[in-house]
Amino acid sequence: MSDRTPQPGDADFPIEEGATVAPMLLGIPAGGLIRLWSSPEESALYSVDEEGYEELAVLIGSGAIARTFPVNGRSQEAGMFHDESGLLLVQNGEPVEVDQDTAADGDTEMPEFGTSIFTLNPAGEEQAQDDPWAELEETVTQVVVDSFARGELVVVEPLGYTPDGDALVENPYVLIGLAQQEDGTIHVLVEGSPAPAKSEIWPPSDDPRGATLTAPADEDAVNVTGSLAIDAVKEWGVGPWDLIITYVDPAEAFGAGEAEQPPADED
């Protein structure tokens, strides 16, 4: 018996052909929950069963999930959601075998990838398990490791955020990337805006609108990126499920001159 997950087009696929599915931006899983956005103003929080949650958490940031069309080199992970059944369809990066009987000779189309199916249920924040903030730190760190390997920068930011009237920054963010120094060495760069004011791990900043930390790109520097990011986020007045990850291709976003950022050496 095969344990293959049914794919779109299969007779046993759980969503009927022609059913309406809607594209959704994927938040960062934390505490067994994930937020989906149909727009910056419209979102909902869902729980995921334990087995499915573990798979979804691993897929986030891995590079396997389909993304929004890049705008200025920036994109976000997305899936398709069937509201009636609560099923979320997410590309998982696993190649789908081509039917050799129907494939045209010399077919050079890009390979298709498999779809993972997750059952979601509407949830409230009180249903969160363990420590969502601690899990976010670990997830962001792993996303950074995977993104650096692809030559990407990572931005952690809120979606659907309404700043306070006296906020110094309208759109807060934490950017994490690799930057080449004048002497040719590669450093990990973490930029927070606004500058964290209550943090015990961020040093004081002369400019309350933002702060930038750099350190030689070794394993220790990479492993602290999640802690730095979430420590800054906690001062924005948002919850763990109000965040989304934006992936930045530096060549597209800033020009080829700043794109020469080799991944950190973890040996």
Protein backbone atom coordinates (compact mmCIF):
# COMPACT_ATOMS: atom_id res chain seq x y z
CA MET A 1 0.00 0.00 0.00
CA SER A 2 1.34 3.43 -0.92
CA ASP A 3 1.49 6.26 1.62
CA ARG A 4 1.63 8.82 -1.19
CA THR A 5 -0.34 11.95 -0.44
CA PRO A 6 -3.15 12.47 -2.98
CA GLN A 7 -2.31 15.24 -5.42
CA PRO A 8 -4.52 17.69 -7.36
CA GLY A 9 -6.07 15.77 -10.23
CA ASP A 10 -6.11 12.42 -8.38
CA ALA A 11 -9.46 10.71 -8.00
CA ASP A 12 -8.99 10.55 -4.23
CA PHE A 13 -7.94 14.18 -3.81
CA PRO A 14 -10.02 15.56 -0.90
CA ILE A 15 -11.16 18.72 -2.71
CA GLU A 16 -13.59 18.31 -5.60
CA GLU A 17 -12.49 19.48 -9.01
CA GLY A 18 -13.79 22.98 -9.67
CA ALA A 19 -14.03 23.87 -5.97
CA THR A 20 -12.97 27.38 -5.04
CA VAL A 21 -9.66 27.73 -3.25
CA ALA A 22 -8.18 31.06 -2.25
CA PRO A 23 -4.54 32.13 -2.13
CA MET A 24 -3.31 32.88 1.37
CA LEU A 25 -0.10 34.33 2.74
CA LEU A 26 1.43 32.12 5.41
CA GLY A 27 2.41 33.46 8.80
CA ILE A 28 5.08 31.89 10.99
CA PRO A 29 3.85 28.77 12.83
CA ALA A 30 4.09 29.06 16.60
CA GLY A 31 2.54 27.12 19.46
CA GLY A 32 0.56 24.83 17.15
CA LEU A 33 -1.14 27.79 15.42
CA ILE A 34 -0.67 29.68 12.17
CA ARG A 35 -2.24 32.82 10.74
CA LEU A 36 -3.37 33.03 7.12
CA TRP A 37 -3.86 36.35 5.32
CA SER A 38 -6.12 36.85 2.32
CA SER A 39 -5.09 40.52 2.40
CA PRO A 40 -3.20 42.74 4.86
CA GLU A 41 -6.55 43.64 6.41
CA GLU A 42 -8.15 40.17 6.40
CA SER A 43 -6.69 37.23 8.31
CA ALA A 44 -7.64 34.36 10.59
CA LEU A 45 -5.83 32.19 13.12
CA TYR A 46 -5.94 28.38 12.83
CA SER A 47 -4.75 25.34 14.71
CA VAL A 48 -2.99 22.47 12.97
CA ASP A 49 -2.95 18.85 14.15
CA GLU A 50 0.35 17.80 15.72
CA GLU A 51 1.69 15.70 12.84
CA GLY A 52 0.72 18.24 10.21
CA TYR A 53 2.05 21.10 12.28
CA GLU A 54 5.50 19.55 12.49
CA GLU A 55 5.65 19.18 8.70
CA LEU A 56 4.37 22.70 8.10
CA ALA A 57 6.89 24.19 10.53
CA VAL A 58 9.74 22.42 8.71
CA LEU A 59 8.53 23.62 5.30
CA ILE A 60 8.45 27.29 6.33
CA GLY A 61 11.62 28.96 5.09
CA SER A 62 12.96 25.79 3.46
CA GLY A 63 12.58 27.19 -0.05
CA ALA A 64 10.07 24.50 -1.02
CA ILE A 65 6.87 26.53 -0.59
CA ALA A 66 5.50 28.56 -3.47
CA ARG A 67 5.80 32.33 -3.08
CA THR A 68 4.13 35.48 -4.21
CA PHE A 69 5.38 37.06 -7.43
CA PRO A 70 8.57 38.96 -6.53
CA VAL A 71 8.19 42.73 -6.26
CA ASN A 72 11.52 44.55 -6.07
CA GLY A 73 13.14 41.26 -5.21
CA ARG A 74 10.80 40.61 -2.28
CA SER A 75 8.42 37.67 -1.93
CA GLN A 76 6.42 35.82 0.73
CA GLU A 77 5.30 32.23 1.15
CA ALA A 78 1.75 31.34 0.15
CA GLY A 79 -0.64 28.43 -0.05
CA MET A 80 -4.15 27.71 -1.30
CA PHE A 81 -6.99 27.41 1.23
CA HIS A 82 -10.35 25.67 0.85
CA ASP A 83 -12.52 27.36 3.45
CA GLU A 84 -15.37 24.83 3.48
CA SER A 85 -13.14 21.89 4.36
CA GLY A 86 -10.42 23.82 6.19
CA LEU A 87 -7.76 22.27 3.97
CA LEU A 88 -4.56 24.19 3.27
CA LEU A 89 -2.56 23.16 0.20
CA VAL A 90 1.15 23.95 0.32
CA GLN A 91 3.80 23.13 -2.26
CA ASN A 92 6.34 20.84 -0.58
CA GLY A 93 9.19 20.76 -3.09
CA GLU A 94 8.89 17.02 -3.71
CA PRO A 95 9.02 16.29 -7.46
CA VAL A 96 5.91 14.69 -8.90
CA GLU A 97 6.56 11.73 -11.16
CA VAL A 98 5.71 12.42 -14.77
CA ASP A 99 3.33 10.02 -16.47
CA GLN A 100 5.59 8.69 -19.21
CA ASP A 101 2.61 7.33 -21.16
CA THR A 102 1.12 10.78 -21.61
CA ALA A 103 4.23 12.95 -21.60
CA ALA A 104 5.10 14.32 -25.01
CA ASP A 105 8.42 13.32 -26.52
CA GLY A 106 11.03 15.95 -25.86
CA ASP A 107 8.86 17.71 -23.29
CA THR A 108 11.03 20.35 -21.60
CA GLU A 109 8.45 21.85 -19.24
CA MET A 110 9.56 22.63 -15.69
CA PRO A 111 8.93 19.72 -13.29
CA GLU A 112 5.86 19.90 -11.10
CA PHE A 113 6.15 19.67 -7.34
CA GLY A 114 4.01 17.85 -4.82
CA THR A 115 1.44 19.33 -2.51
CA SER A 116 1.16 18.79 1.24
CA ILE A 117 -2.33 18.98 2.67
CA PHE A 118 -3.01 20.34 6.15
CA THR A 119 -6.29 20.30 8.05
CA LEU A 120 -6.88 23.62 9.83
CA ASN A 121 -9.46 24.60 12.41
CA PRO A 122 -10.34 28.15 13.52
CA ALA A 123 -8.53 28.88 16.77
CA GLY A 124 -7.87 31.51 19.39
CA GLU A 125 -4.54 32.53 20.86
CA GLU A 126 -5.52 30.83 24.15
CA GLN A 127 -5.13 27.48 22.37
CA ALA A 128 -1.39 27.99 21.86
CA GLN A 129 0.88 25.28 23.19
CA ASP A 130 4.26 25.61 24.92
CA ASP A 131 6.06 28.96 24.47
CA PRO A 132 5.24 30.50 21.07
CA TRP A 133 7.90 33.23 21.39
CA ALA A 134 10.65 30.70 22.10
CA GLU A 135 9.53 28.62 19.13
CA LEU A 136 9.59 31.72 16.93
CA GLU A 137 13.22 32.35 17.88
CA GLU A 138 14.16 28.83 16.79
CA THR A 139 12.14 29.06 13.58
CA VAL A 140 13.57 32.41 12.55
CA THR A 141 17.11 31.15 13.16
CA GLN A 142 16.52 28.10 10.95
CA VAL A 143 14.90 30.25 8.26
CA VAL A 144 17.97 32.49 8.32
CA VAL A 145 20.31 29.50 7.91
CA ASP A 146 18.30 28.16 4.96
CA SER A 147 17.94 31.59 3.36
CA PHE A 148 21.64 32.40 3.63
CA ALA A 149 22.36 29.15 1.78
CA ARG A 150 20.18 30.47 -1.08
CA GLY A 151 21.82 33.90 -1.01
CA GLU A 152 18.69 35.59 0.34
CA LEU A 153 18.07 38.15 3.05
CA VAL A 154 15.27 37.70 5.60
CA VAL A 155 12.85 40.34 6.85
CA VAL A 156 10.60 39.69 9.85
CA GLU A 157 7.72 42.15 9.87
CA PRO A 158 4.09 42.47 10.96
CA LEU A 159 1.26 42.32 8.44
CA GLY A 160 -1.86 44.39 8.88
CA TYR A 161 -0.05 46.53 11.44
CA THR A 162 -1.49 49.82 12.68
CA PRO A 163 1.14 51.87 14.52
CA ASP A 164 0.38 53.95 17.60
CA GLY A 165 -0.04 57.66 17.04
CA ASP A 166 3.32 58.41 18.62
CA ALA A 167 5.20 55.57 16.89
CA LEU A 168 8.62 56.56 15.56
CA VAL A 169 8.39 54.03 12.72
CA GLU A 170 5.29 53.34 10.65
CA ASN A 171 6.44 49.94 9.37
CA PRO A 172 8.69 48.14 11.88
CA TYR A 173 10.96 45.37 10.69
CA VAL A 174 14.03 43.30 11.42
CA LEU A 175 16.29 42.59 8.45
CA ILE A 176 18.87 39.80 8.63
CA GLY A 177 21.49 39.29 5.96
CA LEU A 178 25.11 38.91 5.01
CA ALA A 179 27.21 41.94 4.16
CA GLN A 180 30.68 42.18 2.71
CA GLN A 181 32.97 44.53 4.60
CA GLU A 182 35.61 46.83 3.10
CA ASP A 183 38.32 44.32 3.96
CA GLY A 184 36.45 41.60 2.08
CA THR A 185 35.23 39.68 5.12
CA ILE A 186 31.59 38.62 5.38
CA HIS A 187 29.56 39.69 8.38
CA VAL A 188 26.10 38.82 9.62
CA LEU A 189 24.01 41.98 9.70
CA VAL A 190 20.89 42.45 11.82
CA GLU A 191 19.00 45.71 11.38
CA GLY A 192 16.06 46.61 13.62
CA SER A 193 13.66 49.48 13.11
CA PRO A 194 12.75 51.00 15.49
CA ALA A 195 15.80 50.48 17.66
CA PRO A 196 14.96 48.17 20.59
CA ALA A 197 14.80 50.31 23.72
CA LYS A 198 14.13 47.71 26.43
CA SER A 199 16.28 44.85 25.20
CA GLU A 200 18.99 43.21 27.28
CA ILE A 201 20.79 41.83 24.21
CA TRP A 202 20.62 44.82 21.84
CA PRO A 203 23.05 47.60 22.80
CA PRO A 204 21.66 51.15 23.16
CA SER A 205 21.30 53.07 19.90
CA ASP A 206 21.90 56.77 19.31
CA ASP A 207 19.05 56.74 16.78
CA PRO A 208 15.71 55.52 18.16
CA ARG A 209 14.45 54.95 14.61
CA GLY A 210 16.84 52.06 14.01
CA ALA A 211 19.89 50.07 15.03
CA THR A 212 22.29 47.82 13.15
CA LEU A 213 24.47 45.04 14.56
CA THR A 214 27.22 43.21 12.67
CA ALA A 215 29.54 40.35 13.54
CA PRO A 216 31.82 38.01 11.57
CA ALA A 217 29.70 35.41 9.82
CA ASP A 218 30.31 32.32 11.92
CA GLU A 219 27.94 29.78 13.42
CA ASP A 220 27.60 31.65 16.71
CA ALA A 221 26.59 34.88 14.95
CA VAL A 222 23.99 33.11 12.81
CA ASN A 223 22.53 31.19 15.76
CA VAL A 224 21.73 34.38 17.71
CA THR A 225 19.79 36.02 14.86
CA GLY A 226 16.45 34.57 15.95
CA SER A 227 16.87 35.83 19.50
CA LEU A 228 17.80 39.31 18.30
CA ALA A 229 14.86 39.43 15.90
CA ILE A 230 12.19 38.31 18.36
CA ASP A 231 13.61 40.49 21.14
CA ALA A 232 13.07 43.50 18.85
CA VAL A 233 9.63 42.30 17.74
CA LYS A 234 8.35 42.11 21.31
CA GLU A 235 8.57 45.91 21.57
CA TRP A 236 6.21 46.47 18.64
CA GLY A 237 3.04 45.58 20.55
CA VAL A 238 2.23 42.61 18.29
CA GLY A 239 1.58 38.94 18.98
CA PRO A 240 3.53 35.90 17.77
CA TRP A 241 0.99 35.29 14.99
CA ASP A 242 1.02 38.83 13.58
CA LEU A 243 4.36 38.26 11.83
CA ILE A 244 5.31 37.21 8.34
CA ILE A 245 8.65 36.51 6.69
CA THR A 246 9.64 38.36 3.55
CA TYR A 247 12.48 36.90 1.49
CA VAL A 248 14.73 39.33 -0.34
CA ASP A 249 16.86 38.60 -3.39
CA PRO A 250 19.62 41.23 -2.99
CA ALA A 251 20.46 41.20 -6.70
CA GLU A 252 16.89 42.19 -7.56
CA ALA A 253 16.30 44.46 -4.58
CA PHE A 254 19.54 46.40 -4.47
CA GLY A 255 21.35 45.70 -7.74
CA ALA A 256 24.04 43.24 -8.71
CA GLY A 257 26.75 45.19 -6.95
CA GLU A 258 25.39 44.31 -3.52
CA ALA A 259 24.37 40.79 -4.38
CA GLU A 260 27.80 39.22 -3.97
CA GLN A 261 27.10 37.86 -0.51
CA PRO A 262 28.37 34.27 -0.13
CA PRO A 263 26.74 32.18 2.60
CA ALA A 264 28.34 31.96 6.00
CA ASP A 265 30.93 29.21 6.47
CA GLU A 266 29.54 26.90 9.12
CA ASP A 267 32.52 24.56 9.19
